[in-house]
Amino acid sequence: MVPRQARQVTKKPLCSQVANTLRSQILSGELGGVMPPEAALQRDFGVSRSVVRQALEVL
């Protein structure tokens, strides 16, 4: 998993960056069909719980 790529400097909101990365991982099968818990996503992406929740809402 390469979650830190979501933290690259772009003009997109952080939640959109996380959502896009998760979407790519889902479509590629990298997540193995199971969404990790919010706490794991927070840790892996280095973002707050609210950012993770917003990203999941986007999906």
N, C-alpha and C. Protein backbone atom coordinates (compact mmCIF):
# COMPACT_ATOMS: atom_id res chain seq x y z
N MET A 1 0.84 -1.18 0.00
CA MET A 1 0.00 0.00 0.00
C MET A 1 0.89 1.24 0.00
N VAL A 2 0.52 2.23 -0.79
CA VAL A 2 1.30 3.46 -0.90
C VAL A 2 0.43 4.64 -0.49
N PRO A 3 -0.06 4.65 0.74
CA PRO A 3 -1.00 5.68 1.15
C PRO A 3 -0.42 7.07 1.24
N ARG A 4 0.86 7.19 1.48
CA ARG A 4 1.44 8.52 1.63
C ARG A 4 1.31 9.36 0.38
N GLN A 5 1.06 8.73 -0.77
CA GLN A 5 0.89 9.50 -1.99
C GLN A 5 -0.29 10.45 -1.89
N ALA A 6 -1.22 10.15 -1.02
CA ALA A 6 -2.38 11.03 -0.84
C ALA A 6 -1.99 12.35 -0.19
N ARG A 7 -0.80 12.42 0.35
CA ARG A 7 -0.38 13.64 1.03
C ARG A 7 0.46 14.54 0.13
N GLN A 8 0.60 14.19 -1.14
CA GLN A 8 1.34 15.03 -2.06
C GLN A 8 0.65 16.39 -2.15
N VAL A 9 1.45 17.41 -2.44
CA VAL A 9 0.89 18.75 -2.52
C VAL A 9 0.11 18.89 -3.83
N THR A 10 -1.20 19.08 -3.69
CA THR A 10 -2.06 19.31 -4.84
C THR A 10 -3.12 20.32 -4.43
N LYS A 11 -3.94 20.70 -5.38
CA LYS A 11 -5.01 21.64 -5.08
C LYS A 11 -6.29 20.92 -4.67
N LYS A 12 -6.30 19.58 -4.72
CA LYS A 12 -7.48 18.81 -4.32
C LYS A 12 -7.56 18.75 -2.80
N PRO A 13 -8.77 18.75 -2.27
CA PRO A 13 -8.92 18.57 -0.82
C PRO A 13 -8.33 17.23 -0.40
N LEU A 14 -7.82 17.20 0.81
CA LEU A 14 -7.16 15.99 1.32
C LEU A 14 -8.10 14.79 1.29
N CYS A 15 -9.37 15.00 1.64
CA CYS A 15 -10.31 13.87 1.63
C CYS A 15 -10.47 13.31 0.21
N SER A 16 -10.43 14.15 -0.80
CA SER A 16 -10.52 13.69 -2.19
C SER A 16 -9.29 12.89 -2.59
N GLN A 17 -8.14 13.33 -2.12
CA GLN A 17 -6.91 12.62 -2.41
C GLN A 17 -6.93 11.22 -1.79
N VAL A 18 -7.39 11.15 -0.53
CA VAL A 18 -7.49 9.86 0.15
C VAL A 18 -8.51 8.98 -0.57
N ALA A 19 -9.65 9.55 -0.92
CA ALA A 19 -10.70 8.78 -1.62
C ALA A 19 -10.18 8.25 -2.95
N ASN A 20 -9.47 9.06 -3.68
CA ASN A 20 -8.93 8.62 -4.98
C ASN A 20 -7.93 7.49 -4.81
N THR A 21 -7.10 7.59 -3.80
CA THR A 21 -6.13 6.52 -3.54
C THR A 21 -6.85 5.24 -3.14
N LEU A 22 -7.83 5.36 -2.25
CA LEU A 22 -8.59 4.18 -1.84
C LEU A 22 -9.33 3.57 -3.03
N ARG A 23 -9.92 4.40 -3.87
CA ARG A 23 -10.63 3.91 -5.06
C ARG A 23 -9.68 3.10 -5.94
N SER A 24 -8.49 3.62 -6.15
CA SER A 24 -7.50 2.90 -6.97
C SER A 24 -7.13 1.57 -6.34
N GLN A 25 -6.97 1.58 -5.01
CA GLN A 25 -6.62 0.35 -4.32
C GLN A 25 -7.76 -0.67 -4.36
N ILE A 26 -8.98 -0.20 -4.29
CA ILE A 26 -10.14 -1.09 -4.38
C ILE A 26 -10.22 -1.71 -5.76
N LEU A 27 -10.11 -0.87 -6.79
CA LEU A 27 -10.23 -1.35 -8.16
C LEU A 27 -9.10 -2.29 -8.56
N SER A 28 -7.92 -2.09 -8.00
CA SER A 28 -6.78 -2.95 -8.32
C SER A 28 -6.78 -4.24 -7.50
N GLY A 29 -7.66 -4.31 -6.49
CA GLY A 29 -7.70 -5.50 -5.64
C GLY A 29 -6.66 -5.48 -4.53
N GLU A 30 -5.96 -4.35 -4.40
CA GLU A 30 -4.89 -4.24 -3.43
C GLU A 30 -5.38 -4.39 -1.98
N LEU A 31 -6.63 -4.04 -1.72
CA LEU A 31 -7.17 -4.14 -0.37
C LEU A 31 -7.72 -5.53 -0.07
N GLY A 32 -7.74 -6.40 -1.05
CA GLY A 32 -8.21 -7.76 -0.83
C GLY A 32 -9.69 -7.88 -0.55
N GLY A 33 -10.48 -6.91 -1.00
CA GLY A 33 -11.92 -6.98 -0.83
C GLY A 33 -12.43 -6.56 0.53
N VAL A 34 -11.54 -6.12 1.40
CA VAL A 34 -11.94 -5.71 2.75
C VAL A 34 -11.40 -4.31 3.03
N MET A 35 -12.30 -3.40 3.41
CA MET A 35 -11.87 -2.04 3.76
C MET A 35 -11.26 -2.06 5.15
N PRO A 36 -10.05 -1.53 5.30
CA PRO A 36 -9.43 -1.47 6.63
C PRO A 36 -10.24 -0.58 7.57
N PRO A 37 -10.11 -0.79 8.87
CA PRO A 37 -10.81 0.06 9.84
C PRO A 37 -10.35 1.52 9.72
N GLU A 38 -11.19 2.43 10.19
CA GLU A 38 -10.86 3.86 10.13
C GLU A 38 -9.53 4.16 10.80
N ALA A 39 -9.27 3.53 11.94
CA ALA A 39 -8.02 3.78 12.67
C ALA A 39 -6.81 3.41 11.83
N ALA A 40 -6.89 2.32 11.10
CA ALA A 40 -5.78 1.90 10.24
C ALA A 40 -5.60 2.88 9.08
N LEU A 41 -6.71 3.34 8.52
CA LEU A 41 -6.62 4.32 7.43
C LEU A 41 -6.01 5.63 7.93
N GLN A 42 -6.42 6.05 9.13
CA GLN A 42 -5.84 7.27 9.72
C GLN A 42 -4.33 7.14 9.83
N ARG A 43 -3.91 6.02 10.37
CA ARG A 43 -2.47 5.79 10.58
C ARG A 43 -1.74 5.71 9.23
N ASP A 44 -2.28 4.93 8.30
CA ASP A 44 -1.60 4.71 7.02
C ASP A 44 -1.50 5.97 6.17
N PHE A 45 -2.56 6.79 6.21
CA PHE A 45 -2.56 8.01 5.41
C PHE A 45 -2.02 9.22 6.17
N GLY A 46 -1.91 9.08 7.49
CA GLY A 46 -1.40 10.20 8.28
C GLY A 46 -2.36 11.36 8.32
N VAL A 47 -3.67 11.04 8.39
CA VAL A 47 -4.70 12.08 8.39
C VAL A 47 -5.62 11.89 9.59
N SER A 48 -6.50 12.86 9.80
CA SER A 48 -7.43 12.80 10.93
C SER A 48 -8.61 11.87 10.61
N ARG A 49 -9.34 11.53 11.66
CA ARG A 49 -10.51 10.68 11.50
C ARG A 49 -11.56 11.35 10.61
N SER A 50 -11.71 12.65 10.76
CA SER A 50 -12.71 13.36 9.94
C SER A 50 -12.36 13.30 8.46
N VAL A 51 -11.09 13.37 8.13
CA VAL A 51 -10.67 13.27 6.72
C VAL A 51 -10.99 11.87 6.20
N VAL A 52 -10.70 10.84 7.00
CA VAL A 52 -11.00 9.46 6.59
C VAL A 52 -12.50 9.31 6.37
N ARG A 53 -13.31 9.82 7.28
CA ARG A 53 -14.77 9.69 7.16
C ARG A 53 -15.28 10.42 5.91
N GLN A 54 -14.74 11.59 5.65
CA GLN A 54 -15.16 12.33 4.44
C GLN A 54 -14.77 11.56 3.19
N ALA A 55 -13.58 10.97 3.20
CA ALA A 55 -13.13 10.18 2.05
C ALA A 55 -14.04 8.98 1.82
N LEU A 56 -14.44 8.32 2.90
CA LEU A 56 -15.33 7.16 2.78
C LEU A 56 -16.71 7.58 2.29
N GLU A 57 -17.16 8.74 2.69
CA GLU A 57 -18.44 9.25 2.19
C GLU A 57 -18.39 9.49 0.68
N VAL A 58 -17.27 9.97 0.20
CA VAL A 58 -17.09 10.24 -1.23
C VAL A 58 -17.18 8.93 -2.03
N LEU A 59 -16.63 7.87 -1.44
CA LEU A 59 -16.67 6.56 -2.13
C LEU A 59 -18.08 6.06 -2.20
